[in-house]
């Protein structure tokens, strides 16, 4: 039922986005796209997924998990496949947790490992967006830039504050708040020094730079004449919005957000829509190795 609702929301958003689009222009833009740039974009996206799996591997090394890097790469691609391709109630994070529990690890430990990986990935996105918005301040209108700086700074501050929740003992007396108290304990145990945390956040920043380069390469394939600094500021908010699980794999939300943000710098609406759809299709294509790993793991069991 949940996926049916998401399907209707996705269709409704695309109906709204396409109602004023000239289909002939849309087709001509797509037909004239440069295949070389699209191939490069695919390679960059595969690299981003691989690097994200490597980050999870490095985080897991600090916990109880003793698997090789290849395990995390295969599991991460499987999770990406479930997120992007299969309309399943089992999300990619759940797939990764299940993979770890099948290796006889505790489900709670598996959950925390995946959760920390997610949080560190999100913080890396916020850090990248904050730095880009400050360094290239003036690329967008002042109000938009200040809003991005406020949101990203608040998110990073919230993450840093999470480390101090361990000291607030009474949180452990409340069932809901105890989750944050236990998470703070885990984070402090996981990152006794800032250097390790900074390394993992640095990996996350590189993961997102590769994803942004993917979209930038697609823009070049469509002759969208915008500087890379525009993408460094505009794309992270789009990624943040697609985290909200109200459509199928972020479809519709991503396209609407990209059009809305890129139009602030005078980009062509139709070209941005084509670019976003191409990126969605590229995410599916780059997730296909996960189908092979999933089928192979099913045969192994």
Protein backbone atom coordinates (compact mmCIF):
# COMPACT_ATOMS: atom_id res chain seq x y z
CA UNK A 1 0.00 0.00 0.00
CA UNK A 2 2.84 2.39 0.87
CA UNK A 3 4.48 1.87 -2.52
CA UNK A 4 1.15 2.45 -4.30
CA UNK A 5 0.83 5.82 -2.54
CA UNK A 6 4.41 6.68 -3.52
CA UNK A 7 3.62 5.69 -7.13
CA UNK A 8 0.62 8.04 -7.24
CA UNK A 9 2.68 10.88 -5.76
CA UNK A 10 5.46 10.27 -8.31
CA UNK A 11 2.98 10.26 -11.21
CA UNK A 12 1.29 13.42 -9.92
CA UNK A 13 4.61 15.29 -9.65
CA UNK A 14 5.68 14.25 -13.15
CA UNK A 15 2.29 15.27 -14.53
CA UNK A 16 2.77 18.72 -13.02
CA UNK A 17 6.37 18.98 -14.31
CA UNK A 18 5.51 17.87 -17.86
CA UNK A 19 2.29 19.82 -18.38
CA UNK A 20 4.13 22.91 -19.63
CA UNK A 21 7.02 21.08 -21.33
CA UNK A 22 7.33 20.98 -25.13
CA UNK A 23 7.79 17.26 -25.88
CA UNK A 24 9.46 17.93 -29.23
CA UNK A 25 12.04 20.14 -27.51
CA UNK A 26 12.47 17.51 -24.78
CA UNK A 27 13.11 14.79 -27.38
CA UNK A 28 15.49 16.96 -29.43
CA UNK A 29 17.59 17.79 -26.36
CA UNK A 30 17.76 14.11 -25.44
CA UNK A 31 18.58 13.05 -29.02
CA UNK A 32 21.46 15.55 -29.25
CA UNK A 33 23.07 14.49 -25.96
CA UNK A 34 26.74 13.48 -26.16
CA UNK A 35 27.29 9.81 -25.37
CA UNK A 36 30.90 10.26 -24.24
CA UNK A 37 29.92 12.54 -21.38
CA UNK A 38 27.13 10.13 -20.38
CA UNK A 39 29.61 7.24 -20.28
CA UNK A 40 31.94 9.31 -18.10
CA UNK A 41 28.99 10.13 -15.84
CA UNK A 42 28.26 6.42 -15.43
CA UNK A 43 31.88 5.72 -14.47
CA UNK A 44 31.84 8.58 -11.94
CA UNK A 45 28.62 7.28 -10.36
CA UNK A 46 30.03 3.76 -10.08
CA UNK A 47 33.08 5.30 -8.43
CA UNK A 48 30.87 7.18 -5.99
CA UNK A 49 29.05 3.98 -4.98
CA UNK A 50 32.33 2.10 -4.58
CA UNK A 51 33.79 4.86 -2.41
CA UNK A 52 30.64 4.91 -0.26
CA UNK A 53 31.06 1.16 0.28
CA UNK A 54 34.69 1.78 1.24
CA UNK A 55 33.53 4.34 3.85
CA UNK A 56 31.18 1.75 5.33
CA UNK A 57 34.07 -0.73 5.38
CA UNK A 58 36.31 1.72 7.28
CA UNK A 59 33.55 2.47 9.80
CA UNK A 60 32.83 -1.24 10.26
CA UNK A 61 36.50 -1.94 10.94
CA UNK A 62 36.14 0.15 14.11
CA UNK A 63 33.24 -2.04 15.26
CA UNK A 64 32.96 -5.82 15.66
CA UNK A 65 32.84 -6.64 11.94
CA UNK A 66 35.75 -8.49 10.34
CA UNK A 67 34.61 -8.88 6.73
CA UNK A 68 36.75 -8.03 3.71
CA UNK A 69 36.21 -4.92 1.57
CA UNK A 70 34.65 -7.05 -1.20
CA UNK A 71 31.78 -8.00 1.14
CA UNK A 72 30.90 -4.34 1.79
CA UNK A 73 31.17 -3.41 -1.89
CA UNK A 74 28.82 -6.23 -2.91
CA UNK A 75 26.38 -5.51 -0.08
CA UNK A 76 26.36 -1.77 -0.82
CA UNK A 77 25.64 -2.36 -4.50
CA UNK A 78 22.84 -4.77 -3.50
CA UNK A 79 21.39 -2.09 -1.24
CA UNK A 80 21.60 0.47 -4.03
CA UNK A 81 19.85 -1.98 -6.37
CA UNK A 82 16.97 -2.40 -3.91
CA UNK A 83 16.71 1.37 -3.46
CA UNK A 84 16.79 2.30 -7.14
CA UNK A 85 15.30 -0.62 -9.03
CA UNK A 86 13.04 -2.81 -6.92
CA UNK A 87 9.73 -1.36 -5.63
CA UNK A 88 10.24 -3.31 -2.43
CA UNK A 89 9.40 -2.62 1.20
CA UNK A 90 12.97 -3.74 1.98
CA UNK A 91 15.21 -0.70 1.67
CA UNK A 92 18.89 -0.71 0.85
CA UNK A 93 19.92 -0.16 4.48
CA UNK A 94 17.81 -3.14 5.55
CA UNK A 95 19.57 -5.28 2.92
CA UNK A 96 22.95 -4.30 4.34
CA UNK A 97 21.83 -5.11 7.89
CA UNK A 98 20.49 -8.50 6.76
CA UNK A 99 23.78 -9.26 5.00
CA UNK A 100 25.68 -8.65 8.24
CA UNK A 101 23.29 -10.71 10.36
CA UNK A 102 23.71 -13.60 7.92
CA UNK A 103 27.39 -13.48 8.86
CA UNK A 104 26.25 -14.16 12.46
CA UNK A 105 26.73 -10.61 13.68
CA UNK A 106 24.32 -9.07 16.19
CA UNK A 107 21.42 -7.23 14.54
CA UNK A 108 21.83 -4.25 16.88
CA UNK A 109 25.53 -3.92 16.00
CA UNK A 110 24.67 -4.20 12.30
CA UNK A 111 22.03 -1.48 12.66
CA UNK A 112 24.42 0.91 14.37
CA UNK A 113 27.14 0.30 11.79
CA UNK A 114 24.79 1.09 8.90
CA UNK A 115 23.21 4.01 10.78
CA UNK A 116 26.57 5.63 11.54
CA UNK A 117 27.58 5.18 7.90
CA UNK A 118 24.38 6.98 6.86
CA UNK A 119 24.91 9.81 9.35
CA UNK A 120 28.56 10.33 8.40
CA UNK A 121 27.53 10.36 4.73
CA UNK A 122 24.91 13.02 5.46
CA UNK A 123 27.39 15.13 7.43
CA UNK A 124 29.83 14.95 4.51
CA UNK A 125 27.10 16.31 2.21
CA UNK A 126 26.37 19.17 4.65
CA UNK A 127 30.08 20.02 5.01
CA UNK A 128 30.56 20.12 1.24
CA UNK A 129 27.48 22.30 0.74
CA UNK A 130 28.47 24.67 3.56
CA UNK A 131 32.02 25.15 2.25
CA UNK A 132 30.83 25.64 -1.35
CA UNK A 133 28.13 28.13 -0.29
CA UNK A 134 30.68 30.21 1.66
CA UNK A 135 33.55 30.03 -0.84
CA UNK A 136 31.30 30.78 -3.83
CA UNK A 137 28.95 33.16 -2.01
CA UNK A 138 27.17 35.31 -4.58
CA UNK A 139 26.69 32.53 -7.13
CA UNK A 140 23.04 32.42 -6.09
CA UNK A 141 20.93 35.22 -4.65
CA UNK A 142 21.88 36.21 -1.12
CA UNK A 143 18.66 34.95 0.53
CA UNK A 144 19.04 31.46 -0.96
CA UNK A 145 22.75 31.27 -0.09
CA UNK A 146 22.12 32.36 3.51
CA UNK A 147 19.34 29.76 3.83
CA UNK A 148 21.69 27.00 2.63
CA UNK A 149 24.39 28.16 5.05
CA UNK A 150 21.91 28.21 7.94
CA UNK A 151 20.55 24.72 7.18
CA UNK A 152 23.95 23.12 6.68
CA UNK A 153 25.52 24.81 9.72
CA UNK A 154 22.54 23.74 11.88
CA UNK A 155 22.80 20.16 10.65
CA UNK A 156 26.54 19.94 11.37
CA UNK A 157 26.05 21.56 14.79
CA UNK A 158 23.32 19.03 15.58
CA UNK A 159 25.65 16.18 14.71
CA UNK A 160 28.41 17.57 16.95
CA UNK A 161 25.89 18.09 19.76
CA UNK A 162 24.94 14.42 19.48
CA UNK A 163 28.35 13.47 20.89
CA UNK A 164 27.57 15.35 24.11
CA UNK A 165 24.24 13.58 24.75
CA UNK A 166 26.16 10.78 26.46
CA UNK A 167 26.76 13.14 29.38
CA UNK A 168 23.03 13.75 29.89
CA UNK A 169 22.31 10.66 31.99
CA UNK A 170 18.56 11.12 32.50
CA UNK A 171 17.95 10.53 28.77
CA UNK A 172 18.52 6.83 29.45
CA UNK A 173 15.34 6.79 31.58
CA UNK A 174 13.06 7.45 28.60
CA UNK A 175 12.51 4.84 25.93
CA UNK A 176 12.55 7.17 22.91
CA UNK A 177 15.36 9.44 24.14
CA UNK A 178 17.43 6.45 25.21
CA UNK A 179 18.04 5.73 21.51
CA UNK A 180 19.95 9.02 21.18
CA UNK A 181 21.75 8.39 24.48
CA UNK A 182 22.96 4.99 23.28
CA UNK A 183 23.88 6.39 19.88
CA UNK A 184 25.98 9.10 21.57
CA UNK A 185 27.79 6.40 23.56
CA UNK A 186 28.47 4.44 20.40
CA UNK A 187 29.74 7.50 18.53
CA UNK A 188 32.10 8.48 21.35
CA UNK A 189 33.42 4.92 21.52
CA UNK A 190 33.75 4.76 17.74
CA UNK A 191 35.49 8.12 17.41
CA UNK A 192 37.74 8.66 20.45
CA UNK A 193 39.79 11.13 18.38
CA UNK A 194 38.66 13.75 15.87
CA UNK A 195 41.17 12.59 13.27
CA UNK A 196 39.31 9.34 12.54
CA UNK A 197 35.99 11.14 12.26
CA UNK A 198 37.47 13.77 9.94
CA UNK A 199 38.88 11.03 7.69
CA UNK A 200 35.47 9.40 7.37
CA UNK A 201 33.77 12.75 6.72
CA UNK A 202 36.48 13.45 4.12
CA UNK A 203 35.61 10.20 2.34
CA UNK A 204 31.94 11.24 2.41
CA UNK A 205 32.80 14.60 0.84
CA UNK A 206 34.63 12.78 -1.98
CA UNK A 207 31.63 10.44 -2.45
CA UNK A 208 29.34 13.43 -2.99
CA UNK A 209 31.82 15.28 -5.19
CA UNK A 210 31.85 12.25 -7.51
CA UNK A 211 28.03 12.25 -7.58
CA UNK A 212 27.97 15.97 -8.34
CA UNK A 213 30.58 15.46 -11.07
CA UNK A 214 28.24 12.79 -12.48
CA UNK A 215 25.44 15.35 -12.83
CA UNK A 216 27.89 17.96 -14.14
CA UNK A 217 29.05 15.53 -16.85
CA UNK A 218 25.39 14.98 -17.81
CA UNK A 219 24.94 18.75 -18.03
CA UNK A 220 27.88 18.94 -20.43
CA UNK A 221 26.30 16.18 -22.51
CA UNK A 222 23.22 18.41 -22.88
CA UNK A 223 25.13 21.67 -23.45
CA UNK A 224 23.94 23.17 -20.17
CA UNK A 225 26.35 26.06 -19.75
CA UNK A 226 26.72 26.39 -15.99
CA UNK A 227 29.90 26.46 -13.90
CA UNK A 228 30.79 23.57 -11.61
CA UNK A 229 30.47 25.84 -8.56
CA UNK A 230 26.75 26.16 -9.32
CA UNK A 231 26.42 22.38 -9.05
CA UNK A 232 28.39 22.27 -5.78
CA UNK A 233 25.80 24.60 -4.24
CA UNK A 234 22.62 23.44 -6.03
CA UNK A 235 22.90 19.64 -6.03
CA UNK A 236 23.36 18.85 -2.29
CA UNK A 237 19.94 20.36 -1.35
CA UNK A 238 18.41 18.17 -4.07
CA UNK A 239 20.07 15.09 -2.51
CA UNK A 240 18.73 16.13 0.91
CA UNK A 241 15.18 16.46 -0.42
CA UNK A 242 15.27 13.03 -2.10
CA UNK A 243 15.96 11.48 1.31
CA UNK A 244 12.32 12.27 2.18
CA UNK A 245 10.57 8.95 1.33
CA UNK A 246 7.41 10.22 -0.34
CA UNK A 247 8.06 9.08 -3.92
CA UNK A 248 9.56 6.03 -5.62
CA UNK A 249 13.37 6.22 -5.32
CA UNK A 250 13.18 10.03 -5.20
CA UNK A 251 11.70 10.28 -8.71
CA UNK A 252 9.71 13.47 -9.16
CA UNK A 253 11.09 15.06 -6.00
CA UNK A 254 14.56 15.14 -7.55
CA UNK A 255 13.29 16.57 -10.84
CA UNK A 256 11.13 19.22 -9.18
CA UNK A 257 13.92 20.28 -6.82
CA UNK A 258 16.51 20.47 -9.61
CA UNK A 259 14.25 22.58 -11.81
CA UNK A 260 13.33 24.89 -8.93
CA UNK A 261 16.94 25.46 -7.80
CA UNK A 262 18.66 25.65 -11.18
CA UNK A 263 16.07 28.09 -12.53
CA UNK A 264 17.34 30.51 -9.85
CA UNK A 265 20.46 30.94 -12.02
CA UNK A 266 18.53 31.11 -15.29
CA UNK A 267 18.94 27.49 -16.45
CA UNK A 268 16.66 26.13 -19.15
CA UNK A 269 13.79 24.23 -17.49
CA UNK A 270 13.54 21.52 -20.16
CA UNK A 271 17.28 20.84 -20.20
CA UNK A 272 17.34 20.53 -16.40
CA UNK A 273 14.41 18.11 -16.53
CA UNK A 274 16.21 15.98 -19.14
CA UNK A 275 19.40 16.12 -17.05
CA UNK A 276 17.59 14.98 -13.91
CA UNK A 277 15.81 12.13 -15.68
CA UNK A 278 19.09 11.01 -17.24
CA UNK A 279 20.65 11.02 -13.77
CA UNK A 280 17.80 8.88 -12.42
CA UNK A 281 18.27 6.39 -15.26
CA UNK A 282 22.02 6.42 -14.63
CA UNK A 283 21.42 5.60 -10.95
CA UNK A 284 19.42 2.55 -12.05
CA UNK A 285 22.12 1.50 -14.52
CA UNK A 286 24.91 1.92 -11.97
CA UNK A 287 22.90 -0.15 -9.46
CA UNK A 288 22.61 -3.15 -11.79
CA UNK A 289 25.81 -4.83 -10.48
CA UNK A 290 23.84 -5.19 -7.25
CA UNK A 291 21.37 -7.49 -9.04
CA UNK A 292 24.23 -9.84 -9.91
CA UNK A 293 25.52 -9.86 -6.33
CA UNK A 294 21.98 -10.40 -5.01
CA UNK A 295 21.25 -13.33 -7.34
CA UNK A 296 24.62 -14.86 -6.51
CA UNK A 297 23.98 -14.54 -2.76
CA UNK A 298 20.54 -16.16 -3.16
CA UNK A 299 22.11 -19.12 -4.95
CA UNK A 300 24.73 -19.42 -2.22
CA UNK A 301 22.00 -19.84 0.40
